[in-house]
Every structure is written in C-alpha cells, then in structure tokens.
Amino acid sequence: MKQYELVIFDWDGTLMDSVGKIVACMQESALSLNMAMPTEQAVRDIIGLSMDEALSILHPDASAELQGEMKEAYRQQYLQLNQTPSPLFDGVEDLLTSLNGRGYKLAVATGKARAGLNRVLTATELGGYFVASRCADEAASKPSPEMILQLLNELDVSPDKAVMIGDSIHDLNMANNAGIHAIGVDYGAHDKAKLSQANPKAVISSPMELLEHLVS
C-alpha cells in the first residue's frame, strides 16, 4: 500500500535545471535598469517565490513603477535575450513515467506565473503527466500553504496522503505550513544544510532517488 496518493513537484530547480538562467536573467535585468546587481546567492534565495515577492526582497527600495520595469526586463531576458540553457534534470521523465505507471497523482506548485508554466509544459512535453497545477499568480506566494491546500481540495486528497518535492526552503516550508510531508532535492537552489532546516522527510541528490522514498 502506497504511503502517498499525490506527489506535488516544484518546477524550477526541481524538475528543470533553470537556476542558472534565473540568476543570469535577474542580474542582467537589474543592470539594464542601472540597479544594483544581486548576488547569485541572493537570487537563489528567492527562487520559488512569486515575482512580486522576489523583487520586494531583492530590491526593497524600488518603487512600484520600477518593479514593473524590472518584471518586463526580466521577461525579455528570460524569453528572448538570455541564452543560458535550462534542460530537464537527468532522469526527470523516467521518474514521472515510473510514478505515473504506479498510479500516483502528480501535480505542480510553482513560483512561475501560469503563462510561464504552460510554456515550459508545452516545450518539454511533460504536461500530460500532471493532473493539476498551481502558479504564483493563482495563489499566495510560497511559503503560504495556499497552493497546496487548493490542490488537495481539487484532487480530494487528505494532507497525510500528499508529499511536496522541492529544491528551495520555501517549498519545504510551504509543505510544513500545509501539514504535508516534504522531500528536498539538493541539486537546485539550496543545499542539503539549508533544506534540512525545514526538517524534510529526506533530502535527495537525483530525481530517480525519489523512488526509494516513495516506492516500497
């Protein structure tokens, strides 16, 4: 008997190797507007948050108008100007195929906006694996539990039957706030020491390692 019915994945840094691109785009966006360039670690620390939340942390003194310009600059960097590759991590599609074949419901809870998630689901052809998803423009930003609670309600799954998989402390704290288990991945935004602060059930170092913790 499976411990979980629902496996909820973060996207950036968990399924897709996009941390490097996010860092580069955020830094270039700041430079293009003559703003102080955030450090790589500062950007890593906001990955998973909504864009509004991320910008308020990285540029707390920026006006609403300037934050709007930052959003547009970042969008242009990410979609057109920056060529940093962001492939799926090795083993991701095999993992999703395996979990699907074992009858797990799979979902996504991401700091991306809906348009961004739809774009990468189409580009990677992974959309068919997921029965539901929530984005940062549809619920309160992580670490609020709202995304997870909405998914549990939509899919009629009790908290004790769901687990969150993420590379950021924000993912794991969101899971804690929603009352579900969490498993960290240490190959994305945050390392094992940082993730362990949120007391996850486990911290893994490759996508396929997740099977060891889900499949008995």
Foldseek 3Di string as FASTA:
>chain_A
DWQAQEEEEEPDFFFKPCLVLQLVLLQVLCVVVVHDGDDSLLSLQCFQWALVVSCCSRPVPDDPVVSVSSVVSSVCSNPPNPDPDIGTFPCNVVLLVVCVVVNHAYEYEGNADPVVVVVVCVVVVVVVSHPYYHYCVRFPTFPALTRVVVVCVVVVTDQSRYEYEEAHCRRLSSNVNNNHAYEYEQRGSHHPVRNCVSVHPYYHHGSVVVCVVTPD
